[in-house]
């Protein structure tokens, strides 16, 4: 299959920041075969896509999510993080695989229709009678067509041991590690073009033991997969960590071998200058979740300082129970606004926001050789944003239109050269049916509480 996108503005997000005012991208099978200014090379094409008035970017990469939370949107709307968790844990304890599948399908659909081609989903809730949660996520990925990194999460520190989760929602340490290893063995695809990968992800310092943190790190490195957890999200977390471990969350992570180039950390808000320097020196990634941080009132991440220290920073939507919109395109806008609220108008440029949503995310997930930029030989994961119409009229810079304006409609979304979204909607599934499935699943979950 050979496809060409023509007459479009192109932001490649390559190392030189190459952009084309009116250019072309040639897709051959699942890879990018050519990109450049002007018309495409002469030849036979199976499809020609007219990109007039559109901007082509790499597909966006979501570095942190909790897809199951699509079943519990709109709850605990005015709570701090710890209060929010305490309110929602009992509901999440009733999850089953069917509810998770419906929620994940809805969440992935929303992400795809807002320009996202790769999703990292941190799933750490495994109720004892909840069925095969990872299989439920993997099946949702097949329906929607995106790339998925399932972070097989875990919690082993319940209320009786000073943690936040109720005891019936945590696993025994060994069971959590065995469950993670089983998910890796069954689902992880290490190939360059993988659509499904697994990472190891103990939930957070306040819900897991030190033994689980170190055991997960050893397991992940033995299996050759990446590591992910929440860290430095709130001031409450730092107070608890200082009281229990005598150090900050970042110092605790460092002590346990969790600052390294195979790790990316969600939120990374409350960081001392030395912690930022250590993250940069070790190549530890950060998943910046601006809308969720604002919804919970957790704080504003020091994105400028992280980038200046060389930290790979990606963007994350986070769970839909703390970001009810659930779209990734708008996080470009939110990341820029929050950075400037913290550090002034030069704290983040439009191009840096786009970099975080693409190449920064690819680096967090260890996929930068194949994803994150439009370059010959890379996977053909592309978003074609429609900038025609009133919302963008008069904005001469298409990247500014994307980042500063309302999130544009996705005219086409290619993943590995295949069209997943066309004209703003999924090509292969009915969004109305997905919405009905979610409504039924959400009602069933809440009725059991």
Protein backbone atom coordinates (compact mmCIF):
# COMPACT_ATOMS: atom_id res chain seq x y z
CA UNK A 1 0.00 0.00 0.00
CA UNK A 2 1.40 3.38 -1.03
CA UNK A 3 -0.27 6.61 0.09
CA UNK A 4 0.70 10.23 -0.40
CA UNK A 5 -0.46 13.27 1.58
CA UNK A 6 -0.01 16.44 -0.50
CA UNK A 7 -0.45 20.21 -0.28
CA UNK A 8 -0.23 20.21 3.52
CA UNK A 9 1.82 22.13 6.03
CA UNK A 10 4.16 19.68 7.73
CA UNK A 11 5.88 19.90 11.13
CA UNK A 12 8.28 16.99 11.15
CA UNK A 13 9.57 17.46 14.74
CA UNK A 14 12.91 16.05 13.59
CA UNK A 15 16.15 17.07 15.25
CA UNK A 16 16.47 20.17 13.07
CA UNK A 17 12.84 21.23 13.57
CA UNK A 18 12.19 20.96 9.82
CA UNK A 19 8.86 22.31 8.60
CA UNK A 20 7.30 22.59 5.16
CA UNK A 21 4.76 25.26 4.25
CA UNK A 22 3.22 23.11 1.52
CA UNK A 23 4.71 19.67 1.33
CA UNK A 24 4.14 15.96 1.01
CA UNK A 25 4.52 12.74 2.97
CA UNK A 26 4.72 9.39 1.24
CA UNK A 27 3.68 6.29 3.17
CA UNK A 28 4.73 2.87 1.92
CA UNK A 29 3.21 0.00 3.86
CA UNK A 30 3.78 0.92 7.54
CA UNK A 31 6.74 3.29 7.07
CA UNK A 32 7.43 6.82 5.89
CA UNK A 33 9.05 6.64 2.47
CA UNK A 34 9.49 10.34 1.71
CA UNK A 35 8.81 13.78 3.17
CA UNK A 36 9.56 17.18 1.70
CA UNK A 37 8.45 20.51 0.29
CA UNK A 38 6.19 20.72 -2.76
CA UNK A 39 4.67 17.93 -4.77
CA UNK A 40 5.41 14.27 -4.11
CA UNK A 41 7.69 12.34 -6.45
CA UNK A 42 6.01 10.99 -9.55
CA UNK A 43 4.82 7.44 -9.22
CA UNK A 44 1.88 5.11 -8.70
CA UNK A 45 -0.04 5.68 -5.47
CA UNK A 46 -2.91 3.65 -4.07
CA UNK A 47 -4.36 6.77 -2.45
CA UNK A 48 -3.77 10.50 -2.69
CA UNK A 49 -4.86 12.59 0.29
CA UNK A 50 -5.32 16.30 -0.40
CA UNK A 51 -4.02 18.08 2.68
CA UNK A 52 -4.95 21.61 1.61
CA UNK A 53 -5.53 23.71 4.71
CA UNK A 54 -4.23 20.94 6.96
CA UNK A 55 -1.20 20.46 9.20
CA UNK A 56 0.54 17.09 9.33
CA UNK A 57 2.39 16.20 12.53
CA UNK A 58 3.65 13.00 14.06
CA UNK A 59 0.88 11.16 15.86
CA UNK A 60 0.65 12.34 19.45
CA UNK A 61 1.92 10.06 22.23
CA UNK A 62 0.09 9.84 25.54
CA UNK A 63 2.58 8.91 28.26
CA UNK A 64 0.20 8.46 31.19
CA UNK A 65 -3.41 7.32 31.45
CA UNK A 66 -5.82 5.16 33.47
CA UNK A 67 -8.34 3.99 30.91
CA UNK A 68 -10.57 2.18 33.40
CA UNK A 69 -11.44 5.56 34.94
CA UNK A 70 -13.66 6.41 31.97
CA UNK A 71 -16.36 4.53 33.91
CA UNK A 72 -16.15 6.95 36.86
CA UNK A 73 -15.94 10.43 35.36
CA UNK A 74 -17.37 13.42 37.18
CA UNK A 75 -17.06 12.08 40.74
CA UNK A 76 -15.20 13.65 43.69
CA UNK A 77 -15.07 16.88 41.71
CA UNK A 78 -13.73 19.14 44.48
CA UNK A 79 -11.29 16.84 46.30
CA UNK A 80 -7.55 16.79 46.85
CA UNK A 81 -5.73 13.82 45.37
CA UNK A 82 -5.74 11.78 48.58
CA UNK A 83 -9.42 12.59 49.22
CA UNK A 84 -10.26 11.76 45.61
CA UNK A 85 -8.52 8.38 45.84
CA UNK A 86 -10.23 7.47 49.12
CA UNK A 87 -13.61 8.34 47.57
CA UNK A 88 -13.03 6.33 44.38
CA UNK A 89 -11.10 3.25 45.54
CA UNK A 90 -14.27 1.49 46.80
CA UNK A 91 -15.92 1.98 43.41
CA UNK A 92 -12.88 0.79 41.48
CA UNK A 93 -12.81 -2.28 43.69
CA UNK A 94 -15.94 -3.46 41.83
CA UNK A 95 -14.35 -3.34 38.37
CA UNK A 96 -14.63 -6.41 36.20
CA UNK A 97 -13.07 -7.12 32.82
CA UNK A 98 -16.21 -6.12 30.93
CA UNK A 99 -16.37 -2.70 32.57
CA UNK A 100 -12.66 -2.16 31.99
CA UNK A 101 -13.02 -3.13 28.33
CA UNK A 102 -15.90 -0.73 27.74
CA UNK A 103 -14.10 2.11 29.53
CA UNK A 104 -10.84 1.45 27.70
CA UNK A 105 -12.54 1.33 24.32
CA UNK A 106 -14.21 4.68 24.99
CA UNK A 107 -11.01 6.22 26.28
CA UNK A 108 -8.91 5.03 23.36
CA UNK A 109 -11.54 6.29 20.93
CA UNK A 110 -11.43 9.76 22.45
CA UNK A 111 -7.64 9.73 22.31
CA UNK A 112 -7.53 8.63 18.66
CA UNK A 113 -10.01 11.30 17.60
CA UNK A 114 -7.81 13.94 19.27
CA UNK A 115 -4.66 12.96 17.36
CA UNK A 116 -3.17 10.26 19.59
CA UNK A 117 -1.54 7.21 18.04
CA UNK A 118 0.27 5.66 21.04
CA UNK A 119 -1.07 5.32 24.59
CA UNK A 120 0.63 4.32 27.83
CA UNK A 121 -2.04 3.05 30.20
CA UNK A 122 -1.10 2.58 33.86
CA UNK A 123 -3.51 -0.07 35.14
CA UNK A 124 -3.00 -0.88 38.81
CA UNK A 125 -6.46 -2.04 39.94
CA UNK A 126 -6.88 -5.82 39.99
CA UNK A 127 -9.97 -6.76 42.03
CA UNK A 128 -9.91 -10.36 43.17
CA UNK A 129 -12.97 -11.27 41.12
CA UNK A 130 -12.25 -8.80 38.33
CA UNK A 131 -11.36 -11.20 35.56
CA UNK A 132 -8.51 -10.70 33.07
CA UNK A 133 -7.91 -6.96 33.22
CA UNK A 134 -4.91 -6.87 30.88
CA UNK A 135 -6.74 -8.92 28.26
CA UNK A 136 -9.63 -6.44 28.49
CA UNK A 137 -7.24 -3.59 27.68
CA UNK A 138 -5.53 -5.51 24.87
CA UNK A 139 -8.91 -6.29 23.27
CA UNK A 140 -9.89 -2.61 23.40
CA UNK A 141 -6.67 -1.72 21.61
CA UNK A 142 -7.54 -4.07 18.76
CA UNK A 143 -10.98 -2.49 18.35
CA UNK A 144 -9.68 1.07 18.14
CA UNK A 145 -6.36 0.43 16.38
CA UNK A 146 -3.90 2.50 18.40
CA UNK A 147 -0.55 1.41 19.78
CA UNK A 148 -0.79 0.55 23.48
CA UNK A 149 1.78 0.29 26.24
CA UNK A 150 0.03 -1.43 29.14
CA UNK A 151 1.83 -0.54 32.35
CA UNK A 152 0.96 -3.53 34.51
CA UNK A 153 0.53 -1.69 37.78
CA UNK A 154 0.28 -3.02 41.30
CA UNK A 155 -0.46 -2.09 44.91
CA UNK A 156 0.52 -4.18 47.93
CA UNK A 157 0.19 -1.62 50.73
CA UNK A 158 -3.37 -1.34 51.99
CA UNK A 159 -4.88 0.69 54.80
CA UNK A 160 -3.76 -1.77 57.47
CA UNK A 161 -0.13 -1.10 56.47
CA UNK A 162 -0.39 2.68 56.23
CA UNK A 163 -1.41 2.87 52.56
CA UNK A 164 -4.42 4.59 51.03
CA UNK A 165 -6.14 1.68 49.18
CA UNK A 166 -8.57 -0.55 51.08
CA UNK A 167 -7.03 -3.91 51.89
CA UNK A 168 -9.35 -5.77 49.52
CA UNK A 169 -7.93 -3.84 46.56
CA UNK A 170 -4.25 -4.68 47.03
CA UNK A 171 -2.29 -7.76 46.00
CA UNK A 172 0.29 -9.75 47.88
CA UNK A 173 3.76 -8.65 46.81
CA UNK A 174 4.70 -11.92 45.14
CA UNK A 175 1.33 -12.16 43.41
CA UNK A 176 1.81 -8.65 41.99
CA UNK A 177 5.24 -9.51 40.66
CA UNK A 178 4.06 -12.81 39.21
CA UNK A 179 1.10 -11.05 37.58
CA UNK A 180 3.44 -8.50 36.03
CA UNK A 181 5.75 -11.21 34.72
CA UNK A 182 2.81 -13.14 33.29
CA UNK A 183 1.60 -10.03 31.44
CA UNK A 184 5.07 -9.47 29.99
CA UNK A 185 5.40 -13.08 28.87
CA UNK A 186 1.94 -13.16 27.30
CA UNK A 187 1.60 -9.74 25.69
CA UNK A 188 4.89 -7.88 25.31
CA UNK A 189 6.08 -7.37 21.74
CA UNK A 190 9.67 -6.10 21.62
CA UNK A 191 9.70 -5.54 17.85
CA UNK A 192 10.26 -2.09 16.36
CA UNK A 193 6.72 -1.93 14.97
CA UNK A 194 5.01 -3.23 18.10
CA UNK A 195 1.37 -2.34 18.68
CA UNK A 196 1.33 -3.75 22.21
CA UNK A 197 4.03 -3.55 24.85
CA UNK A 198 4.10 -4.09 28.61
CA UNK A 199 5.88 -2.09 31.30
CA UNK A 200 6.13 -2.65 35.05
CA UNK A 201 4.43 -0.03 37.19
CA UNK A 202 4.00 -0.18 40.97
CA UNK A 203 1.41 2.49 41.58
CA UNK A 204 3.07 5.02 43.88
CA UNK A 205 5.20 5.25 47.03
CA UNK A 206 2.11 5.64 49.23
CA UNK A 207 0.43 2.47 47.94
CA UNK A 208 3.31 0.02 47.47
CA UNK A 209 6.07 -1.44 49.62
CA UNK A 210 9.78 -0.93 49.11
CA UNK A 211 10.01 -4.63 48.31
CA UNK A 212 7.55 -4.26 45.44
CA UNK A 213 9.41 -1.22 44.07
CA UNK A 214 12.75 -3.03 44.04
CA UNK A 215 11.24 -6.32 42.87
CA UNK A 216 9.50 -4.65 39.95
CA UNK A 217 12.73 -2.91 38.93
CA UNK A 218 14.64 -6.19 38.99
CA UNK A 219 11.90 -7.95 37.02
CA UNK A 220 11.63 -5.23 34.39
CA UNK A 221 15.36 -5.12 33.79
CA UNK A 222 15.59 -8.88 33.61
CA UNK A 223 12.78 -8.91 31.03
CA UNK A 224 13.95 -5.85 29.10
CA UNK A 225 10.84 -3.72 29.66
CA UNK A 226 10.41 -0.21 31.03
CA UNK A 227 9.39 1.09 34.46
CA UNK A 228 6.73 3.63 35.38
CA UNK A 229 5.18 5.03 38.56
CA UNK A 230 3.58 8.15 39.99
CA UNK A 231 6.05 10.42 41.75
CA UNK A 232 6.14 13.88 43.33
CA UNK A 233 2.51 14.56 42.43
CA UNK A 234 1.37 16.41 45.57
CA UNK A 235 2.73 18.14 48.65
CA UNK A 236 0.88 15.53 50.77
CA UNK A 237 2.93 12.78 49.13
CA UNK A 238 6.16 14.56 50.00
CA UNK A 239 5.10 15.03 53.62
CA UNK A 240 4.25 11.35 53.93
CA UNK A 241 7.50 10.25 52.32
CA UNK A 242 9.56 12.52 54.59
CA UNK A 243 7.76 11.14 57.64
CA UNK A 244 8.07 7.48 56.66
CA UNK A 245 11.36 7.29 54.75
CA UNK A 246 13.18 10.41 55.89
CA UNK A 247 13.62 11.64 52.32
CA UNK A 248 11.69 13.17 49.44
CA UNK A 249 9.89 10.98 46.88
CA UNK A 250 12.64 11.66 44.32
CA UNK A 251 15.37 10.73 46.80
CA UNK A 252 13.44 7.58 47.68
CA UNK A 253 13.14 6.63 44.01
CA UNK A 254 16.84 7.26 43.49
CA UNK A 255 17.75 5.07 46.46
CA UNK A 256 15.70 2.21 45.02
CA UNK A 257 17.23 2.44 41.52
CA UNK A 258 14.22 4.18 40.02
CA UNK A 259 16.05 7.11 38.44
CA UNK A 260 17.37 5.69 35.16
CA UNK A 261 16.92 5.90 31.42
CA UNK A 262 14.44 3.00 31.40
CA UNK A 263 12.08 4.85 33.79
CA UNK A 264 9.48 7.55 33.25
CA UNK A 265 7.61 9.15 36.14
CA UNK A 266 4.07 10.53 36.12
CA UNK A 267 3.47 14.14 37.20
CA UNK A 268 6.90 15.12 38.62
CA UNK A 269 5.55 18.35 40.10
CA UNK A 270 7.13 18.80 43.54
CA UNK A 271 10.82 18.45 42.70
CA UNK A 272 13.81 20.15 44.28
CA UNK A 273 16.50 21.50 41.92
CA UNK A 274 18.78 18.59 42.79
CA UNK A 275 16.05 16.09 41.89
CA UNK A 276 15.58 17.76 38.51
CA UNK A 277 19.33 17.63 37.92
CA UNK A 278 19.41 13.92 38.84
CA UNK A 279 16.53 13.14 36.48
CA UNK A 280 18.38 14.86 33.68
CA UNK A 281 21.69 13.18 34.47
CA UNK A 282 20.10 9.72 34.58
CA UNK A 283 17.80 10.20 31.57
CA UNK A 284 14.68 9.59 33.65
CA UNK A 285 11.54 10.67 31.79
CA UNK A 286 8.60 12.73 33.05
CA UNK A 287 4.95 12.44 32.00
CA UNK A 288 3.47 15.93 32.32
CA UNK A 289 -0.32 15.90 32.88
CA UNK A 290 -1.33 19.57 32.97
CA UNK A 291 -5.13 19.30 32.87
CA UNK A 292 -5.30 16.56 35.50
CA UNK A 293 -2.85 18.46 37.71
CA UNK A 294 -5.16 21.46 37.48
CA UNK A 295 -8.33 19.42 38.09
CA UNK A 296 -6.87 17.94 41.29
CA UNK A 297 -5.09 21.17 42.26
CA UNK A 298 -1.81 19.31 42.60
CA UNK A 299 0.43 22.11 41.34
CA UNK A 300 2.26 23.11 38.16
CA UNK A 301 5.17 20.95 37.04
CA UNK A 302 8.55 22.69 36.51
CA UNK A 303 8.56 21.86 32.81
CA UNK A 304 11.04 24.55 31.78
CA UNK A 305 13.55 23.41 34.37
CA UNK A 306 13.05 19.76 33.42
CA UNK A 307 13.63 20.45 29.73
CA UNK A 308 16.69 22.61 30.47
CA UNK A 309 18.12 19.74 32.54
CA UNK A 310 17.76 17.36 29.59
CA UNK A 311 14.83 15.40 31.01
CA UNK A 312 12.68 13.67 28.36
CA UNK A 313 9.27 15.23 29.02
CA UNK A 314 6.14 13.80 27.42
CA UNK A 315 2.49 14.70 27.79
CA UNK A 316 -0.18 12.67 29.55
CA UNK A 317 -3.95 12.92 29.72
CA UNK A 318 -4.14 10.94 32.99
CA UNK A 319 -7.28 9.10 33.98
CA UNK A 320 -10.62 10.47 32.87
CA UNK A 321 -11.78 10.63 36.49
CA UNK A 322 -9.33 13.53 36.91
CA UNK A 323 -9.50 14.82 33.32
CA UNK A 324 -13.03 14.31 32.12
CA UNK A 325 -12.27 15.62 28.62
CA UNK A 326 -9.89 12.74 27.96
CA UNK A 327 -8.35 14.18 24.79
CA UNK A 328 -4.64 14.52 24.12
CA UNK A 329 -4.63 17.32 21.54
CA UNK A 330 -5.70 19.88 24.13
CA UNK A 331 -2.79 18.97 26.41
CA UNK A 332 -0.53 20.78 23.96
CA UNK A 333 -2.47 23.95 24.77
CA UNK A 334 -2.66 23.30 28.50
CA UNK A 335 1.04 22.50 28.81
CA UNK A 336 1.94 25.83 27.24
CA UNK A 337 -0.47 27.79 29.42
CA UNK A 338 0.69 26.17 32.66
CA UNK A 339 4.37 26.60 31.84
CA UNK A 340 3.80 30.29 31.17
CA UNK A 341 1.69 30.74 34.29
CA UNK A 342 4.63 29.41 36.26
CA UNK A 343 7.53 30.96 34.35
CA UNK A 344 6.32 33.75 32.07
CA UNK A 345 5.70 34.01 28.31
CA UNK A 346 9.05 32.50 27.29
CA UNK A 347 8.76 29.47 29.56
CA UNK A 348 7.53 27.22 26.72
CA UNK A 349 7.19 27.76 22.97
CA UNK A 350 4.55 26.31 20.69
CA UNK A 351 7.16 24.06 19.07
CA UNK A 352 8.33 22.79 22.46
CA UNK A 353 4.74 21.92 23.38
CA UNK A 354 4.44 19.92 20.14
CA UNK A 355 7.81 18.27 20.81
CA UNK A 356 6.62 17.09 24.22
CA UNK A 357 3.46 15.64 22.67
CA UNK A 358 5.45 13.71 20.07
CA UNK A 359 9.20 13.13 20.36
CA UNK A 360 9.27 13.76 24.11
CA UNK A 361 6.66 11.06 24.56
CA UNK A 362 8.51 8.69 22.25
CA UNK A 363 11.63 9.11 24.37
CA UNK A 364 9.70 8.41 27.57
CA UNK A 365 8.45 5.13 26.10
CA UNK A 366 11.78 4.16 24.52
CA UNK A 367 10.30 4.36 21.00
CA UNK A 368 12.24 7.36 19.63
CA UNK A 369 13.93 5.32 16.88
CA UNK A 370 10.57 4.56 15.28
CA UNK A 371 8.05 7.10 16.58
CA UNK A 372 7.79 10.77 17.44
CA UNK A 373 8.89 12.50 14.23
CA UNK A 374 8.20 12.45 10.50
CA UNK A 375 11.39 11.03 9.02
CA UNK A 376 12.11 8.53 6.27
CA UNK A 377 12.17 5.02 7.68
CA UNK A 378 10.10 5.75 10.75
CA UNK A 379 6.67 4.25 11.37
CA UNK A 380 3.90 6.08 9.54
CA UNK A 381 2.01 7.31 12.61
CA UNK A 382 0.64 10.66 11.45
CA UNK A 383 -2.05 13.14 12.44
CA UNK A 384 -3.60 15.32 9.74
CA UNK A 385 -5.21 18.30 11.49
CA UNK A 386 -7.89 20.24 9.59
CA UNK A 387 -7.21 23.96 10.01
CA UNK A 388 -9.87 25.12 7.60
CA UNK A 389 -12.78 27.20 8.89
CA UNK A 390 -13.53 30.01 11.30
CA UNK A 391 -11.55 28.71 14.28
CA UNK A 392 -8.23 29.03 12.45
CA UNK A 393 -8.90 31.70 9.83
CA UNK A 394 -6.22 34.35 9.86
CA UNK A 395 -3.64 32.31 11.82
CA UNK A 396 -0.72 32.09 9.42
CA UNK A 397 1.41 29.76 11.58
CA UNK A 398 -0.19 26.29 11.53
CA UNK A 399 1.69 25.07 14.63
CA UNK A 400 0.45 28.12 16.53
CA UNK A 401 -3.07 27.31 15.33
CA UNK A 402 -2.72 23.77 16.67
CA UNK A 403 -1.22 24.67 20.05
CA UNK A 404 -2.83 28.03 20.82
CA UNK A 405 -6.26 27.50 19.31
CA UNK A 406 -9.00 25.02 20.03
CA UNK A 407 -7.99 21.45 19.21
CA UNK A 408 -8.55 21.02 15.45
CA UNK A 409 -10.57 18.18 13.95
CA UNK A 410 -8.46 15.19 12.94
CA UNK A 411 -9.03 14.78 9.22
CA UNK A 412 -6.98 11.57 9.09
CA UNK A 413 -5.07 9.56 11.64
CA UNK A 414 -2.60 7.01 10.29
CA UNK A 415 -1.09 4.32 12.49
CA UNK A 416 1.47 2.20 10.73
CA UNK A 417 0.10 3.54 7.47
CA UNK A 418 -3.45 2.36 8.19
CA UNK A 419 -6.26 4.89 8.54
CA UNK A 420 -7.78 4.73 12.03
CA UNK A 421 -9.65 8.06 12.02
CA UNK A 422 -11.20 9.68 8.95
CA UNK A 423 -13.18 12.90 8.95
CA UNK A 424 -12.94 13.10 12.74
CA UNK A 425 -14.45 9.68 13.51
CA UNK A 426 -13.24 6.11 13.88
CA UNK A 427 -13.20 4.25 10.61
CA UNK A 428 -13.85 0.71 11.86
CA UNK A 429 -16.10 1.10 14.93
CA UNK A 430 -19.34 2.92 15.74
CA UNK A 431 -18.73 5.66 18.27
CA UNK A 432 -22.42 5.62 19.19
CA UNK A 433 -22.19 1.94 20.06
CA UNK A 434 -19.01 2.53 22.08
CA UNK A 435 -20.80 5.29 24.00
CA UNK A 436 -23.76 2.99 24.72
CA UNK A 437 -21.43 0.26 25.98
CA UNK A 438 -19.70 2.73 28.28
CA UNK A 439 -22.98 4.09 29.66
CA UNK A 440 -24.16 0.57 30.52
CA UNK A 441 -20.81 -0.36 32.10
CA UNK A 442 -20.62 2.84 34.13
CA UNK A 443 -24.16 2.45 35.42
CA UNK A 444 -23.49 -1.18 36.39
CA UNK A 445 -20.32 -0.20 38.26
CA UNK A 446 -22.03 2.56 40.24
CA UNK A 447 -25.08 0.45 41.04
CA UNK A 448 -22.89 -2.01 42.93
CA UNK A 449 -21.63 0.63 45.37
